[in-house]
Amino acid sequence: MAHSLSAQKRVRQNIKRRALNRWRKRDLHDALVEYDEAILHASVEDAQKQLTDLYKLIDRTAAKGVIHRKTADRKKSRLAARLNAKAATA
């Protein structure tokens, strides 16, 4: 247990930040699962609209430091590739 006041404050801040980061990561995960469902069952236009919203969420999550920016770029690239594959088969 932290003894100094500043160390106690850091513990409190870390708890708050961890909770917020977990919420942001969970929100991103839920959006990715929803996009997967759209790729499987929705039209290409609906998936395209969802992809633009997902790009914004991924960029915002990376900007907050929850995920690395290169991880965000990789996710966006793979999501676009999945959409392009669906569009090619449709």
N, C-alpha and C. Protein backbone atom coordinates (compact mmCIF):
# COMPACT_ATOMS: atom_id res chain seq x y z
N MET A 1 0.84 -1.18 0.00
CA MET A 1 0.00 0.00 0.00
C MET A 1 0.88 1.24 0.00
N ALA A 2 0.45 2.23 -0.78
CA ALA A 2 1.21 3.47 -0.87
C ALA A 2 1.07 4.26 0.42
N HIS A 3 2.16 4.89 0.83
CA HIS A 3 2.14 5.64 2.08
C HIS A 3 2.08 7.14 1.86
N SER A 4 2.81 7.64 0.87
CA SER A 4 2.81 9.09 0.68
C SER A 4 1.51 9.53 0.00
N LEU A 5 1.18 10.77 0.18
CA LEU A 5 -0.06 11.31 -0.40
C LEU A 5 -0.03 11.26 -1.92
N SER A 6 1.12 11.58 -2.48
CA SER A 6 1.22 11.58 -3.94
C SER A 6 1.09 10.16 -4.49
N ALA A 7 1.65 9.19 -3.80
CA ALA A 7 1.53 7.80 -4.25
C ALA A 7 0.09 7.31 -4.12
N GLN A 8 -0.60 7.74 -3.07
CA GLN A 8 -2.02 7.37 -2.92
C GLN A 8 -2.86 7.98 -4.05
N LYS A 9 -2.54 9.21 -4.40
CA LYS A 9 -3.26 9.87 -5.49
C LYS A 9 -3.00 9.14 -6.81
N ARG A 10 -1.77 8.74 -7.05
CA ARG A 10 -1.44 8.01 -8.27
C ARG A 10 -2.23 6.70 -8.34
N VAL A 11 -2.39 6.03 -7.22
CA VAL A 11 -3.17 4.79 -7.20
C VAL A 11 -4.61 5.07 -7.59
N ARG A 12 -5.18 6.15 -7.05
CA ARG A 12 -6.56 6.52 -7.40
C ARG A 12 -6.69 6.85 -8.88
N GLN A 13 -5.72 7.61 -9.40
CA GLN A 13 -5.75 7.98 -10.81
C GLN A 13 -5.62 6.75 -11.71
N ASN A 14 -4.75 5.84 -11.32
CA ASN A 14 -4.55 4.63 -12.12
C ASN A 14 -5.81 3.78 -12.17
N ILE A 15 -6.53 3.72 -11.07
CA ILE A 15 -7.77 2.95 -11.04
C ILE A 15 -8.80 3.56 -11.99
N LYS A 16 -8.92 4.88 -11.95
CA LYS A 16 -9.88 5.56 -12.83
C LYS A 16 -9.49 5.38 -14.30
N ARG A 17 -8.22 5.55 -14.59
CA ARG A 17 -7.76 5.45 -15.98
C ARG A 17 -7.91 4.03 -16.50
N ARG A 18 -7.64 3.06 -15.66
CA ARG A 18 -7.78 1.67 -16.08
C ARG A 18 -9.22 1.35 -16.41
N ALA A 19 -10.13 1.83 -15.59
CA ALA A 19 -11.55 1.60 -15.84
C ALA A 19 -11.99 2.25 -17.15
N LEU A 20 -11.52 3.46 -17.39
CA LEU A 20 -11.89 4.16 -18.62
C LEU A 20 -11.29 3.48 -19.84
N ASN A 21 -10.05 3.03 -19.74
CA ASN A 21 -9.41 2.34 -20.87
C ASN A 21 -10.09 1.01 -21.16
N ARG A 22 -10.49 0.32 -20.10
CA ARG A 22 -11.20 -0.95 -20.30
C ARG A 22 -12.54 -0.71 -20.98
N TRP A 23 -13.22 0.38 -20.61
CA TRP A 23 -14.49 0.72 -21.24
C TRP A 23 -14.29 1.02 -22.73
N ARG A 24 -13.25 1.79 -23.03
CA ARG A 24 -12.98 2.13 -24.43
C ARG A 24 -12.63 0.89 -25.24
N LYS A 25 -11.84 0.00 -24.68
CA LYS A 25 -11.46 -1.21 -25.40
C LYS A 25 -12.67 -2.13 -25.59
N ARG A 26 -13.54 -2.20 -24.59
CA ARG A 26 -14.75 -3.01 -24.70
C ARG A 26 -15.69 -2.43 -25.76
N ASP A 27 -15.79 -1.12 -25.81
CA ASP A 27 -16.62 -0.44 -26.81
C ASP A 27 -16.10 -0.74 -28.21
N LEU A 28 -14.78 -0.72 -28.38
CA LEU A 28 -14.18 -1.05 -29.67
C LEU A 28 -14.45 -2.50 -30.04
N HIS A 29 -14.31 -3.39 -29.09
CA HIS A 29 -14.56 -4.80 -29.34
C HIS A 29 -16.00 -5.05 -29.76
N ASP A 30 -16.93 -4.42 -29.08
CA ASP A 30 -18.35 -4.57 -29.44
C ASP A 30 -18.62 -4.06 -30.84
N ALA A 31 -18.00 -2.96 -31.22
CA ALA A 31 -18.18 -2.41 -32.55
C ALA A 31 -17.59 -3.34 -33.61
N LEU A 32 -16.47 -3.97 -33.30
CA LEU A 32 -15.87 -4.92 -34.24
C LEU A 32 -16.76 -6.14 -34.43
N VAL A 33 -17.35 -6.62 -33.36
CA VAL A 33 -18.26 -7.77 -33.47
C VAL A 33 -19.49 -7.40 -34.28
N GLU A 34 -19.99 -6.19 -34.07
CA GLU A 34 -21.15 -5.73 -34.84
C GLU A 34 -20.81 -5.60 -36.32
N TYR A 35 -19.60 -5.17 -36.63
CA TYR A 35 -19.15 -5.08 -38.01
C TYR A 35 -19.03 -6.48 -38.63
N ASP A 36 -18.54 -7.44 -37.86
CA ASP A 36 -18.46 -8.81 -38.35
C ASP A 36 -19.84 -9.33 -38.75
N GLU A 37 -20.83 -9.02 -37.94
CA GLU A 37 -22.21 -9.43 -38.26
C GLU A 37 -22.69 -8.73 -39.53
N ALA A 38 -22.33 -7.48 -39.69
CA ALA A 38 -22.74 -6.75 -40.89
C ALA A 38 -22.08 -7.34 -42.13
N ILE A 39 -20.83 -7.74 -42.01
CA ILE A 39 -20.14 -8.35 -43.15
C ILE A 39 -20.84 -9.66 -43.54
N LEU A 40 -21.27 -10.41 -42.55
CA LEU A 40 -21.89 -11.71 -42.85
C LEU A 40 -23.31 -11.57 -43.36
N HIS A 41 -24.09 -10.66 -42.80
CA HIS A 41 -25.53 -10.68 -43.06
C HIS A 41 -26.07 -9.44 -43.75
N ALA A 42 -25.39 -8.31 -43.69
CA ALA A 42 -25.94 -7.07 -44.23
C ALA A 42 -25.42 -6.84 -45.66
N SER A 43 -25.94 -5.81 -46.29
CA SER A 43 -25.50 -5.47 -47.64
C SER A 43 -24.14 -4.79 -47.58
N VAL A 44 -23.52 -4.67 -48.74
CA VAL A 44 -22.20 -4.05 -48.82
C VAL A 44 -22.30 -2.56 -48.45
N GLU A 45 -23.39 -1.90 -48.83
CA GLU A 45 -23.54 -0.48 -48.52
C GLU A 45 -23.66 -0.25 -47.01
N ASP A 46 -24.41 -1.12 -46.34
CA ASP A 46 -24.54 -1.00 -44.88
C ASP A 46 -23.20 -1.24 -44.19
N ALA A 47 -22.47 -2.23 -44.68
CA ALA A 47 -21.17 -2.52 -44.10
C ALA A 47 -20.19 -1.37 -44.35
N GLN A 48 -20.29 -0.75 -45.51
CA GLN A 48 -19.42 0.39 -45.82
C GLN A 48 -19.70 1.56 -44.88
N LYS A 49 -20.97 1.81 -44.63
CA LYS A 49 -21.33 2.90 -43.71
C LYS A 49 -20.84 2.60 -42.29
N GLN A 50 -20.96 1.35 -41.91
CA GLN A 50 -20.50 0.96 -40.58
C GLN A 50 -18.98 1.03 -40.48
N LEU A 51 -18.30 0.75 -41.59
CA LEU A 51 -16.84 0.79 -41.59
C LEU A 51 -16.33 2.20 -41.35
N THR A 52 -16.97 3.21 -41.93
CA THR A 52 -16.52 4.58 -41.71
C THR A 52 -16.69 4.98 -40.24
N ASP A 53 -17.78 4.55 -39.62
CA ASP A 53 -17.95 4.83 -38.19
C ASP A 53 -16.91 4.09 -37.36
N LEU A 54 -16.60 2.88 -37.78
CA LEU A 54 -15.62 2.07 -37.07
C LEU A 54 -14.22 2.67 -37.20
N TYR A 55 -13.90 3.22 -38.37
CA TYR A 55 -12.62 3.91 -38.54
C TYR A 55 -12.48 5.04 -37.52
N LYS A 56 -13.53 5.80 -37.36
CA LYS A 56 -13.51 6.92 -36.43
C LYS A 56 -13.28 6.43 -35.00
N LEU A 57 -13.95 5.36 -34.64
CA LEU A 57 -13.79 4.81 -33.29
C LEU A 57 -12.38 4.27 -33.07
N ILE A 58 -11.84 3.59 -34.06
CA ILE A 58 -10.48 3.04 -33.95
C ILE A 58 -9.47 4.18 -33.81
N ASP A 59 -9.62 5.22 -34.63
CA ASP A 59 -8.69 6.35 -34.55
C ASP A 59 -8.77 7.05 -33.20
N ARG A 60 -9.98 7.21 -32.69
CA ARG A 60 -10.16 7.86 -31.39
C ARG A 60 -9.54 7.01 -30.27
N THR A 61 -9.71 5.70 -30.36
CA THR A 61 -9.14 4.80 -29.36
C THR A 61 -7.61 4.86 -29.40
N ALA A 62 -7.05 4.91 -30.59
CA ALA A 62 -5.59 5.00 -30.72
C ALA A 62 -5.08 6.35 -30.24
N ALA A 63 -5.84 7.41 -30.49
CA ALA A 63 -5.41 8.74 -30.06
C ALA A 63 -5.38 8.85 -28.54
N LYS A 64 -6.26 8.13 -27.87
CA LYS A 64 -6.28 8.13 -26.41
C LYS A 64 -5.19 7.26 -25.82
N GLY A 65 -4.51 6.47 -26.65
CA GLY A 65 -3.42 5.63 -26.17
C GLY A 65 -3.87 4.27 -25.66
N VAL A 66 -5.11 3.92 -25.91
CA VAL A 66 -5.60 2.62 -25.43
C VAL A 66 -5.01 1.51 -26.29
N ILE A 67 -4.93 1.74 -27.60
CA ILE A 67 -4.24 0.81 -28.49
C ILE A 67 -3.16 1.59 -29.23
N HIS A 68 -2.17 0.90 -29.72
CA HIS A 68 -1.08 1.53 -30.44
C HIS A 68 -1.57 1.98 -31.81
N ARG A 69 -0.98 3.04 -32.34
CA ARG A 69 -1.44 3.59 -33.62
C ARG A 69 -1.21 2.62 -34.77
N LYS A 70 -0.15 1.82 -34.69
CA LYS A 70 0.09 0.85 -35.76
C LYS A 70 -0.89 -0.32 -35.65
N THR A 71 -1.30 -0.65 -34.45
CA THR A 71 -2.34 -1.65 -34.27
C THR A 71 -3.65 -1.15 -34.88
N ALA A 72 -3.93 0.12 -34.69
CA ALA A 72 -5.14 0.71 -35.27
C ALA A 72 -5.07 0.67 -36.79
N ASP A 73 -3.93 1.01 -37.36
CA ASP A 73 -3.77 0.97 -38.82
C ASP A 73 -3.94 -0.45 -39.35
N ARG A 74 -3.39 -1.41 -38.65
CA ARG A 74 -3.50 -2.81 -39.07
C ARG A 74 -4.95 -3.28 -39.03
N LYS A 75 -5.66 -2.91 -37.97
CA LYS A 75 -7.08 -3.28 -37.86
C LYS A 75 -7.88 -2.67 -39.00
N LYS A 76 -7.65 -1.39 -39.29
CA LYS A 76 -8.39 -0.72 -40.36
C LYS A 76 -8.11 -1.38 -41.70
N SER A 77 -6.86 -1.74 -41.95
CA SER A 77 -6.50 -2.37 -43.20
C SER A 77 -7.19 -3.72 -43.36
N ARG A 78 -7.21 -4.49 -42.31
CA ARG A 78 -7.84 -5.82 -42.38
C ARG A 78 -9.36 -5.72 -42.52
N LEU A 79 -9.96 -4.73 -41.88
CA LEU A 79 -11.40 -4.54 -42.01
C LEU A 79 -11.76 -4.13 -43.44
N ALA A 80 -10.95 -3.26 -44.03
CA ALA A 80 -11.20 -2.85 -45.41
C ALA A 80 -11.02 -4.03 -46.37
N ALA A 81 -10.04 -4.87 -46.10
CA ALA A 81 -9.82 -6.03 -46.96
C ALA A 81 -11.02 -6.98 -46.91
N ARG A 82 -11.59 -7.14 -45.73
CA ARG A 82 -12.77 -8.00 -45.61
C ARG A 82 -13.96 -7.43 -46.37
N LEU A 83 -14.12 -6.12 -46.31
CA LEU A 83 -15.21 -5.49 -47.05
C LEU A 83 -14.99 -5.62 -48.55
N ASN A 84 -13.76 -5.42 -48.99
CA ASN A 84 -13.45 -5.54 -50.42
C ASN A 84 -13.68 -6.97 -50.91
N ALA A 85 -13.36 -7.94 -50.09
CA ALA A 85 -13.60 -9.34 -50.47
C ALA A 85 -15.09 -9.61 -50.60
N LYS A 86 -15.88 -9.06 -49.69
CA LYS A 86 -17.34 -9.25 -49.78
C LYS A 86 -17.89 -8.55 -51.01
N ALA A 87 -17.39 -7.36 -51.29
CA ALA A 87 -17.86 -6.62 -52.46
C ALA A 87 -17.51 -7.35 -53.75
N ALA A 88 -16.36 -8.01 -53.76
CA ALA A 88 -15.93 -8.74 -54.97
C ALA A 88 -16.82 -9.96 -55.22
N THR A 89 -17.27 -10.58 -54.15
CA THR A 89 -18.13 -11.77 -54.32
C THR A 89 -19.57 -11.39 -54.59
N ALA A 90 -19.96 -10.19 -54.22
CA ALA A 90 -21.38 -9.77 -54.39
C ALA A 90 -21.67 -9.30 -55.80
